[in-house]
Amino acid sequence: MLLQNIRARIGARFNGDSEAGFTLIELLVVMLILGILAAIALPAFFNQKSKATDSKAKSNAHSAQVAIETCASENSTGSYATCTYSQLIAIEPTLPTSTAASGTESLAVTPNAAVGYTIAVTSTTGNVFKIVRANGATTFPCTVTAADKRGGCPGTGATEGSWN
């Protein structure tokens, strides 16, 4: 009986009956499926970095808007013209510097007399996001670079849009 069991096990090993594993075709099919999924998913992820930097620029523009509104309301005159960039930094220290080196985000705040202001933030992607307040109306224009038509500036394919 013991001898028969040993012979059966050795015979099964030689026949490959107890071998478990994947065939080459099965492995190739799995690799093909993974390659197709990667080809579909990767382009969607590559655009996320530019969207994130554009989102950061929009957030900084909004922070600057809150800071200049705070500055104007704290002034005895209520005028935007008296607000300087250093006052805005004192109100909101997380604002980026107004002068920027290549590849960094820049912010420019320009008071327009007593009735408004223009805030322009240039993202590291080159897209420019603005907040323009004039005579009580606020607009949110944006301009995209030629290289980045699908960043955070929606529109109808033109180079200008509104990010509101």
N, C-alpha and C. Protein backbone atom coordinates (compact mmCIF):
# COMPACT_ATOMS: atom_id res chain seq x y z
N MET A 1 0.82 -1.19 0.00
CA MET A 1 0.00 0.00 0.00
C MET A 1 0.87 1.25 0.00
N LEU A 2 1.88 1.28 0.84
CA LEU A 2 2.78 2.40 0.89
C LEU A 2 3.51 2.57 -0.42
N LEU A 3 3.92 1.49 -1.00
CA LEU A 3 4.62 1.51 -2.27
C LEU A 3 3.72 2.04 -3.39
N GLN A 4 2.46 1.68 -3.35
CA GLN A 4 1.53 2.17 -4.38
C GLN A 4 1.31 3.68 -4.26
N ASN A 5 1.24 4.18 -3.03
CA ASN A 5 1.08 5.62 -2.81
C ASN A 5 2.29 6.39 -3.33
N ILE A 6 3.48 5.86 -3.08
CA ILE A 6 4.69 6.52 -3.54
C ILE A 6 4.73 6.55 -5.06
N ARG A 7 4.38 5.39 -5.69
CA ARG A 7 4.36 5.33 -7.15
C ARG A 7 3.32 6.30 -7.72
N ALA A 8 2.18 6.41 -7.10
CA ALA A 8 1.13 7.32 -7.59
C ALA A 8 1.59 8.77 -7.51
N ARG A 9 2.27 9.10 -6.41
CA ARG A 9 2.76 10.48 -6.26
C ARG A 9 3.85 10.80 -7.27
N ILE A 10 4.77 9.88 -7.47
CA ILE A 10 5.85 10.10 -8.44
C ILE A 10 5.27 10.18 -9.84
N GLY A 11 4.33 9.29 -10.16
CA GLY A 11 3.70 9.31 -11.48
C GLY A 11 2.93 10.60 -11.73
N ALA A 12 2.25 11.09 -10.72
CA ALA A 12 1.50 12.34 -10.86
C ALA A 12 2.46 13.51 -11.07
N ARG A 13 3.61 13.45 -10.40
CA ARG A 13 4.58 14.54 -10.55
C ARG A 13 5.14 14.54 -11.97
N PHE A 14 5.44 13.37 -12.51
CA PHE A 14 5.96 13.30 -13.88
C PHE A 14 4.91 13.70 -14.91
N ASN A 15 3.67 13.42 -14.66
CA ASN A 15 2.60 13.76 -15.60
C ASN A 15 2.20 15.24 -15.51
N GLY A 16 2.58 15.91 -14.44
CA GLY A 16 2.23 17.31 -14.27
C GLY A 16 0.83 17.50 -13.72
N ASP A 17 0.23 16.47 -13.20
CA ASP A 17 -1.14 16.57 -12.69
C ASP A 17 -1.22 17.47 -11.46
N SER A 18 -0.20 17.49 -10.63
CA SER A 18 -0.30 18.27 -9.40
C SER A 18 0.32 19.66 -9.55
N GLU A 19 0.81 19.98 -10.74
CA GLU A 19 1.41 21.30 -10.97
C GLU A 19 0.29 22.33 -11.11
N ALA A 20 0.40 23.43 -10.36
CA ALA A 20 -0.57 24.52 -10.45
C ALA A 20 0.19 25.78 -10.84
N GLY A 21 -0.39 26.59 -11.71
CA GLY A 21 0.27 27.82 -12.13
C GLY A 21 -0.45 28.40 -13.33
N PHE A 22 0.08 29.50 -13.83
CA PHE A 22 -0.51 30.18 -14.97
C PHE A 22 0.26 29.83 -16.23
N THR A 23 -0.46 29.76 -17.30
CA THR A 23 0.20 29.53 -18.58
C THR A 23 0.71 30.86 -19.11
N LEU A 24 1.57 30.79 -20.11
CA LEU A 24 2.12 32.00 -20.71
C LEU A 24 1.02 32.85 -21.35
N ILE A 25 0.06 32.23 -21.95
CA ILE A 25 -1.05 32.96 -22.57
C ILE A 25 -1.85 33.71 -21.52
N GLU A 26 -2.12 33.09 -20.41
CA GLU A 26 -2.87 33.76 -19.35
C GLU A 26 -2.11 34.97 -18.82
N LEU A 27 -0.80 34.83 -18.63
CA LEU A 27 0.01 35.96 -18.17
C LEU A 27 0.02 37.09 -19.20
N LEU A 28 0.11 36.76 -20.47
CA LEU A 28 0.11 37.79 -21.52
C LEU A 28 -1.23 38.52 -21.58
N VAL A 29 -2.32 37.82 -21.40
CA VAL A 29 -3.64 38.45 -21.41
C VAL A 29 -3.77 39.42 -20.23
N VAL A 30 -3.30 39.02 -19.06
CA VAL A 30 -3.36 39.90 -17.90
C VAL A 30 -2.49 41.14 -18.12
N MET A 31 -1.31 40.96 -18.68
CA MET A 31 -0.44 42.10 -18.96
C MET A 31 -1.07 43.04 -19.99
N LEU A 32 -1.75 42.48 -20.98
CA LEU A 32 -2.43 43.29 -21.98
C LEU A 32 -3.56 44.11 -21.36
N ILE A 33 -4.32 43.51 -20.49
CA ILE A 33 -5.41 44.21 -19.80
C ILE A 33 -4.85 45.33 -18.93
N LEU A 34 -3.79 45.07 -18.19
CA LEU A 34 -3.17 46.10 -17.36
C LEU A 34 -2.61 47.24 -18.21
N GLY A 35 -2.04 46.92 -19.35
CA GLY A 35 -1.52 47.95 -20.25
C GLY A 35 -2.63 48.84 -20.79
N ILE A 36 -3.76 48.26 -21.14
CA ILE A 36 -4.90 49.04 -21.64
C ILE A 36 -5.43 49.95 -20.54
N LEU A 37 -5.57 49.43 -19.33
CA LEU A 37 -6.05 50.26 -18.22
C LEU A 37 -5.08 51.41 -17.92
N ALA A 38 -3.79 51.15 -17.98
CA ALA A 38 -2.81 52.20 -17.74
C ALA A 38 -2.87 53.27 -18.83
N ALA A 39 -3.07 52.85 -20.07
CA ALA A 39 -3.15 53.82 -21.17
C ALA A 39 -4.38 54.70 -21.05
N ILE A 40 -5.42 54.20 -20.44
CA ILE A 40 -6.63 54.99 -20.25
C ILE A 40 -6.48 55.92 -19.04
N ALA A 41 -5.89 55.44 -17.97
CA ALA A 41 -5.87 56.19 -16.71
C ALA A 41 -4.75 57.22 -16.62
N LEU A 42 -3.59 56.94 -17.16
CA LEU A 42 -2.45 57.84 -16.97
C LEU A 42 -2.64 59.23 -17.55
N PRO A 43 -3.18 59.41 -18.74
CA PRO A 43 -3.37 60.79 -19.23
C PRO A 43 -4.28 61.63 -18.33
N ALA A 44 -5.23 61.01 -17.70
CA ALA A 44 -6.10 61.75 -16.79
C ALA A 44 -5.35 62.23 -15.56
N PHE A 45 -4.35 61.49 -15.12
CA PHE A 45 -3.59 61.89 -13.94
C PHE A 45 -2.55 62.96 -14.26
N PHE A 46 -2.03 62.99 -15.48
CA PHE A 46 -1.00 63.96 -15.83
C PHE A 46 -1.52 65.39 -15.79
N ASN A 47 -2.79 65.59 -16.10
CA ASN A 47 -3.37 66.94 -16.11
C ASN A 47 -3.71 67.43 -14.70
N GLN A 48 -3.69 66.57 -13.71
CA GLN A 48 -4.10 66.94 -12.37
C GLN A 48 -3.12 67.91 -11.72
N LYS A 49 -1.84 67.83 -12.05
CA LYS A 49 -0.87 68.73 -11.43
C LYS A 49 -1.13 70.17 -11.85
N SER A 50 -1.40 70.40 -13.13
CA SER A 50 -1.67 71.77 -13.58
C SER A 50 -2.99 72.28 -13.01
N LYS A 51 -3.96 71.40 -12.86
CA LYS A 51 -5.22 71.82 -12.24
C LYS A 51 -5.01 72.19 -10.77
N ALA A 52 -4.14 71.46 -10.09
CA ALA A 52 -3.87 71.75 -8.68
C ALA A 52 -3.15 73.08 -8.52
N THR A 53 -2.18 73.37 -9.39
CA THR A 53 -1.48 74.64 -9.27
C THR A 53 -2.40 75.80 -9.65
N ASP A 54 -3.29 75.58 -10.62
CA ASP A 54 -4.26 76.62 -10.95
C ASP A 54 -5.24 76.84 -9.80
N SER A 55 -5.61 75.78 -9.12
CA SER A 55 -6.50 75.90 -7.97
C SER A 55 -5.82 76.68 -6.84
N LYS A 56 -4.53 76.45 -6.65
CA LYS A 56 -3.79 77.20 -5.64
C LYS A 56 -3.75 78.69 -6.00
N ALA A 57 -3.57 78.99 -7.27
CA ALA A 57 -3.54 80.39 -7.71
C ALA A 57 -4.90 81.05 -7.48
N LYS A 58 -5.98 80.34 -7.76
CA LYS A 58 -7.33 80.88 -7.51
C LYS A 58 -7.55 81.13 -6.02
N SER A 59 -7.06 80.21 -5.21
CA SER A 59 -7.19 80.37 -3.76
C SER A 59 -6.42 81.60 -3.27
N ASN A 60 -5.22 81.80 -3.82
CA ASN A 60 -4.44 82.98 -3.43
C ASN A 60 -5.11 84.26 -3.91
N ALA A 61 -5.74 84.23 -5.07
CA ALA A 61 -6.47 85.41 -5.55
C ALA A 61 -7.62 85.73 -4.60
N HIS A 62 -8.33 84.71 -4.17
CA HIS A 62 -9.44 84.93 -3.23
C HIS A 62 -8.93 85.44 -1.88
N SER A 63 -7.81 84.91 -1.42
CA SER A 63 -7.23 85.39 -0.16
C SER A 63 -6.83 86.86 -0.27
N ALA A 64 -6.27 87.24 -1.42
CA ALA A 64 -5.91 88.64 -1.63
C ALA A 64 -7.17 89.51 -1.69
N GLN A 65 -8.23 88.98 -2.27
CA GLN A 65 -9.50 89.73 -2.33
C GLN A 65 -10.04 89.97 -0.92
N VAL A 66 -10.02 88.95 -0.09
CA VAL A 66 -10.49 89.10 1.29
C VAL A 66 -9.60 90.10 2.03
N ALA A 67 -8.28 90.04 1.79
CA ALA A 67 -7.36 90.95 2.48
C ALA A 67 -7.59 92.39 2.05
N ILE A 68 -7.81 92.65 0.76
CA ILE A 68 -8.00 94.04 0.33
C ILE A 68 -9.36 94.57 0.77
N GLU A 69 -10.37 93.70 0.82
CA GLU A 69 -11.68 94.13 1.34
C GLU A 69 -11.56 94.45 2.84
N THR A 70 -10.80 93.65 3.57
CA THR A 70 -10.57 93.90 4.99
C THR A 70 -9.81 95.21 5.19
N CYS A 71 -8.80 95.42 4.37
CA CYS A 71 -8.01 96.65 4.46
C CYS A 71 -8.88 97.87 4.19
N ALA A 72 -9.72 97.81 3.18
CA ALA A 72 -10.58 98.94 2.85
C ALA A 72 -11.61 99.20 3.95
N SER A 73 -12.12 98.15 4.55
CA SER A 73 -13.11 98.36 5.61
C SER A 73 -12.46 98.85 6.91
N GLU A 74 -11.18 98.53 7.11
CA GLU A 74 -10.47 99.02 8.29
C GLU A 74 -10.01 100.46 8.13
N ASN A 75 -9.86 100.93 6.89
CA ASN A 75 -9.49 102.33 6.66
C ASN A 75 -10.65 103.23 7.06
N SER A 76 -10.31 104.39 7.54
CA SER A 76 -11.37 105.33 7.91
C SER A 76 -12.09 105.86 6.67
N THR A 77 -11.41 105.84 5.52
CA THR A 77 -12.05 106.34 4.30
C THR A 77 -12.80 105.25 3.55
N GLY A 78 -12.50 104.00 3.80
CA GLY A 78 -13.13 102.91 3.08
C GLY A 78 -12.64 102.78 1.65
N SER A 79 -11.48 103.32 1.38
CA SER A 79 -10.93 103.35 0.02
C SER A 79 -9.94 102.21 -0.18
N TYR A 80 -9.95 101.65 -1.41
CA TYR A 80 -8.98 100.61 -1.76
C TYR A 80 -7.63 101.24 -2.11
N ALA A 81 -7.63 102.50 -2.51
CA ALA A 81 -6.42 103.16 -3.00
C ALA A 81 -5.34 103.26 -1.93
N THR A 82 -5.72 103.29 -0.67
CA THR A 82 -4.73 103.44 0.40
C THR A 82 -4.13 102.11 0.85
N CYS A 83 -4.64 100.99 0.32
CA CYS A 83 -4.14 99.67 0.72
C CYS A 83 -2.87 99.35 -0.04
N THR A 84 -1.82 99.06 0.69
CA THR A 84 -0.55 98.68 0.08
C THR A 84 -0.38 97.16 0.18
N TYR A 85 0.56 96.64 -0.59
CA TYR A 85 0.79 95.20 -0.57
C TYR A 85 1.30 94.75 0.79
N SER A 86 2.09 95.58 1.44
CA SER A 86 2.60 95.21 2.77
C SER A 86 1.46 95.13 3.78
N GLN A 87 0.44 95.99 3.63
CA GLN A 87 -0.73 95.89 4.52
C GLN A 87 -1.49 94.59 4.25
N LEU A 88 -1.58 94.19 2.98
CA LEU A 88 -2.27 92.94 2.66
C LEU A 88 -1.51 91.74 3.22
N ILE A 89 -0.19 91.79 3.16
CA ILE A 89 0.62 90.70 3.74
C ILE A 89 0.43 90.66 5.26
N ALA A 90 0.29 91.82 5.89
CA ALA A 90 0.05 91.86 7.33
C ALA A 90 -1.30 91.26 7.68
N ILE A 91 -2.30 91.47 6.82
CA ILE A 91 -3.63 90.90 7.05
C ILE A 91 -3.63 89.41 6.74
N GLU A 92 -3.01 89.03 5.61
CA GLU A 92 -2.97 87.62 5.18
C GLU A 92 -1.53 87.23 4.86
N PRO A 93 -0.80 86.69 5.84
CA PRO A 93 0.63 86.38 5.64
C PRO A 93 0.90 85.25 4.66
N THR A 94 -0.11 84.47 4.27
CA THR A 94 0.12 83.35 3.37
C THR A 94 0.15 83.76 1.90
N LEU A 95 -0.07 85.04 1.61
CA LEU A 95 -0.04 85.49 0.22
C LEU A 95 1.37 85.38 -0.34
N PRO A 96 1.50 85.01 -1.64
CA PRO A 96 2.83 84.94 -2.24
C PRO A 96 3.41 86.33 -2.46
N THR A 97 4.70 86.38 -2.68
CA THR A 97 5.33 87.67 -2.93
C THR A 97 4.85 88.21 -4.27
N SER A 98 4.86 89.53 -4.41
CA SER A 98 4.33 90.13 -5.63
C SER A 98 5.29 89.98 -6.80
N THR A 99 6.59 89.91 -6.53
CA THR A 99 7.53 89.67 -7.61
C THR A 99 7.91 88.21 -7.57
N ALA A 100 7.94 87.60 -8.75
CA ALA A 100 8.18 86.16 -8.79
C ALA A 100 9.32 85.82 -9.73
N ALA A 101 10.08 84.83 -9.33
CA ALA A 101 11.12 84.30 -10.22
C ALA A 101 10.47 83.36 -11.22
N SER A 102 11.22 82.93 -12.16
CA SER A 102 10.69 82.03 -13.18
C SER A 102 10.24 80.72 -12.54
N GLY A 103 9.05 80.26 -12.90
CA GLY A 103 8.53 78.99 -12.40
C GLY A 103 7.83 79.08 -11.07
N THR A 104 7.65 80.29 -10.52
CA THR A 104 6.93 80.41 -9.26
C THR A 104 5.68 81.25 -9.48
N GLU A 105 4.79 81.16 -8.53
CA GLU A 105 3.54 81.90 -8.61
C GLU A 105 3.76 83.36 -8.24
N SER A 106 3.08 84.27 -8.96
CA SER A 106 3.21 85.68 -8.63
C SER A 106 1.82 86.29 -8.42
N LEU A 107 1.79 87.33 -7.62
CA LEU A 107 0.54 88.01 -7.29
C LEU A 107 0.76 89.51 -7.43
N ALA A 108 -0.18 90.17 -8.10
CA ALA A 108 -0.12 91.63 -8.23
C ALA A 108 -1.48 92.20 -7.85
N VAL A 109 -1.48 93.16 -6.96
CA VAL A 109 -2.71 93.82 -6.53
C VAL A 109 -2.60 95.29 -6.92
N THR A 110 -3.58 95.77 -7.69
CA THR A 110 -3.56 97.15 -8.17
C THR A 110 -4.87 97.82 -7.77
N PRO A 111 -4.84 98.72 -6.80
CA PRO A 111 -6.06 99.47 -6.48
C PRO A 111 -6.40 100.43 -7.62
N ASN A 112 -7.67 100.50 -7.99
CA ASN A 112 -8.14 101.41 -9.03
C ASN A 112 -8.92 102.53 -8.37
N ALA A 113 -8.23 103.56 -7.99
CA ALA A 113 -8.82 104.70 -7.29
C ALA A 113 -9.56 104.20 -6.06
N ALA A 114 -10.69 104.79 -5.74
CA ALA A 114 -11.41 104.41 -4.53
C ALA A 114 -12.52 103.41 -4.81
N VAL A 115 -12.76 103.11 -6.08
CA VAL A 115 -13.95 102.32 -6.41
C VAL A 115 -13.65 100.87 -6.76
N GLY A 116 -12.41 100.46 -6.78
CA GLY A 116 -12.16 99.08 -7.15
C GLY A 116 -10.70 98.69 -7.09
N TYR A 117 -10.42 97.51 -7.61
CA TYR A 117 -9.07 96.96 -7.61
C TYR A 117 -8.99 95.86 -8.65
N THR A 118 -7.77 95.48 -8.97
CA THR A 118 -7.51 94.34 -9.84
C THR A 118 -6.49 93.47 -9.15
N ILE A 119 -6.83 92.20 -9.00
CA ILE A 119 -5.91 91.21 -8.44
C ILE A 119 -5.57 90.25 -9.57
N ALA A 120 -4.31 90.08 -9.85
CA ALA A 120 -3.87 89.17 -10.90
C ALA A 120 -2.88 88.18 -10.32
N VAL A 121 -3.19 86.90 -10.43
CA VAL A 121 -2.31 85.84 -9.95
C VAL A 121 -1.88 85.02 -11.16
N THR A 122 -0.58 84.90 -11.34
CA THR A 122 -0.05 84.08 -12.42
C THR A 122 0.39 82.75 -11.80
N SER A 123 -0.23 81.68 -12.25
CA SER A 123 0.08 80.35 -11.75
C SER A 123 1.41 79.88 -12.31
N THR A 124 1.97 78.83 -11.73
CA THR A 124 3.21 78.27 -12.25
C THR A 124 3.02 77.66 -13.63
N THR A 125 1.78 77.40 -14.02
CA THR A 125 1.50 76.90 -15.37
C THR A 125 1.51 78.03 -16.40
N GLY A 126 1.53 79.28 -15.93
CA GLY A 126 1.49 80.42 -16.83
C GLY A 126 0.10 81.01 -16.99
N ASN A 127 -0.91 80.33 -16.47
CA ASN A 127 -2.28 80.84 -16.54
C ASN A 127 -2.44 82.02 -15.59
N VAL A 128 -3.20 83.02 -16.01
CA VAL A 128 -3.40 84.23 -15.20
C VAL A 128 -4.86 84.28 -14.77
N PHE A 129 -5.07 84.39 -13.46
CA PHE A 129 -6.41 84.48 -12.89
C PHE A 129 -6.56 85.84 -12.24
N LYS A 130 -7.64 86.53 -12.59
CA LYS A 130 -7.84 87.88 -12.08
C LYS A 130 -9.16 87.99 -11.33
N ILE A 131 -9.18 88.95 -10.42
CA ILE A 131 -10.42 89.40 -9.79
C ILE A 131 -10.45 90.90 -10.01
N VAL A 132 -11.45 91.36 -10.74
CA VAL A 132 -11.56 92.78 -11.06
C VAL A 132 -12.83 93.31 -10.42
N ARG A 133 -12.67 94.31 -9.55
CA ARG A 133 -13.81 94.97 -8.94
C ARG A 133 -13.82 96.41 -9.41
N ALA A 134 -14.91 96.79 -10.05
CA ALA A 134 -15.03 98.16 -10.57
C ALA A 134 -16.47 98.60 -10.40
N ASN A 135 -16.65 99.70 -9.69
CA ASN A 135 -17.97 100.30 -9.47
C ASN A 135 -18.99 99.30 -8.91
N GLY A 136 -18.55 98.47 -7.97
CA GLY A 136 -19.46 97.55 -7.29
C GLY A 136 -19.65 96.21 -7.97
N ALA A 137 -19.19 96.04 -9.20
CA ALA A 137 -19.31 94.77 -9.91
C ALA A 137 -17.98 94.03 -9.87
N THR A 138 -18.05 92.73 -9.64
CA THR A 138 -16.84 91.91 -9.57
C THR A 138 -16.87 90.88 -10.68
N THR A 139 -15.77 90.80 -11.45
CA THR A 139 -15.64 89.81 -12.51
C THR A 139 -14.41 88.96 -12.24
N PHE A 140 -14.37 87.81 -12.86
CA PHE A 140 -13.29 86.84 -12.64
C PHE A 140 -12.71 86.37 -13.97
N PRO A 141 -12.02 87.24 -14.70
CA PRO A 141 -11.45 86.80 -15.99
C PRO A 141 -10.19 85.97 -15.78
N CYS A 142 -9.92 85.12 -16.76
CA CYS A 142 -8.70 84.33 -16.72
C CYS A 142 -8.16 84.18 -18.14
N THR A 143 -6.87 84.01 -18.23
CA THR A 143 -6.19 83.83 -19.50
C THR A 143 -5.31 82.60 -19.40
N VAL A 144 -5.37 81.74 -20.39
CA VAL A 144 -4.56 80.52 -20.39
C VAL A 144 -3.40 80.68 -21.34
N THR A 145 -2.34 79.94 -21.07
CA THR A 145 -1.20 79.92 -21.98
C THR A 145 -1.53 79.04 -23.17
N ALA A 146 -0.74 79.17 -24.21
CA ALA A 146 -0.97 78.34 -25.40
C ALA A 146 -0.70 76.87 -25.09
N ALA A 147 0.18 76.61 -24.12
CA ALA A 147 0.54 75.23 -23.80
C ALA A 147 -0.53 74.54 -22.96
N ASP A 148 -1.33 75.29 -22.24
CA ASP A 148 -2.28 74.69 -21.30
C ASP A 148 -3.68 75.21 -21.59
N LYS A 149 -4.35 74.61 -22.55
CA LYS A 149 -5.70 75.04 -22.91
C LYS A 149 -6.76 74.48 -21.96
N ARG A 150 -6.41 73.47 -21.18
CA ARG A 150 -7.42 72.82 -20.35
C ARG A 150 -7.13 72.97 -18.87
N GLY A 151 -6.46 74.01 -18.48
CA GLY A 151 -6.16 74.19 -17.06
C GLY A 151 -7.39 74.58 -16.28
N GLY A 152 -7.23 75.46 -15.34
CA GLY A 152 -8.35 75.85 -14.49
C GLY A 152 -9.13 77.04 -15.01
N CYS A 153 -8.99 77.35 -16.31
CA CYS A 153 -9.71 78.47 -16.91
C CYS A 153 -10.70 77.92 -17.92
N PRO A 154 -11.93 77.66 -17.51
CA PRO A 154 -12.90 77.10 -18.44
C PRO A 154 -13.31 78.12 -19.49
N GLY A 155 -13.72 77.63 -20.59
CA GLY A 155 -14.16 78.51 -21.67
C GLY A 155 -14.58 77.68 -22.86
N THR A 156 -14.73 78.33 -23.97
CA THR A 156 -15.17 77.65 -25.18
C THR A 156 -14.01 77.43 -26.13
N GLY A 157 -12.83 77.20 -25.62
CA GLY A 157 -11.67 76.98 -26.45
C GLY A 157 -10.90 78.26 -26.72
N ALA A 158 -11.43 79.38 -26.33
CA ALA A 158 -10.72 80.66 -26.50
C ALA A 158 -9.63 80.77 -25.46
N THR A 159 -8.78 81.77 -25.61
CA THR A 159 -7.71 81.93 -24.63
C THR A 159 -8.17 82.68 -23.39
N GLU A 160 -9.37 83.22 -23.40
CA GLU A 160 -9.88 83.91 -22.23
C GLU A 160 -11.20 83.30 -21.80
N GLY A 161 -11.43 83.33 -20.52
CA GLY A 161 -12.67 82.80 -19.97
C GLY A 161 -12.93 83.44 -18.63
N SER A 162 -13.84 82.83 -17.90
CA SER A 162 -14.17 83.31 -16.56
C SER A 162 -14.13 82.11 -15.62
N TRP A 163 -13.42 82.26 -14.51
CA TRP A 163 -13.29 81.14 -13.58
C TRP A 163 -14.26 81.23 -12.43
N ASN A 164 -15.24 82.10 -12.54
CA ASN A 164 -16.24 82.26 -11.49
C ASN A 164 -17.09 81.03 -11.39
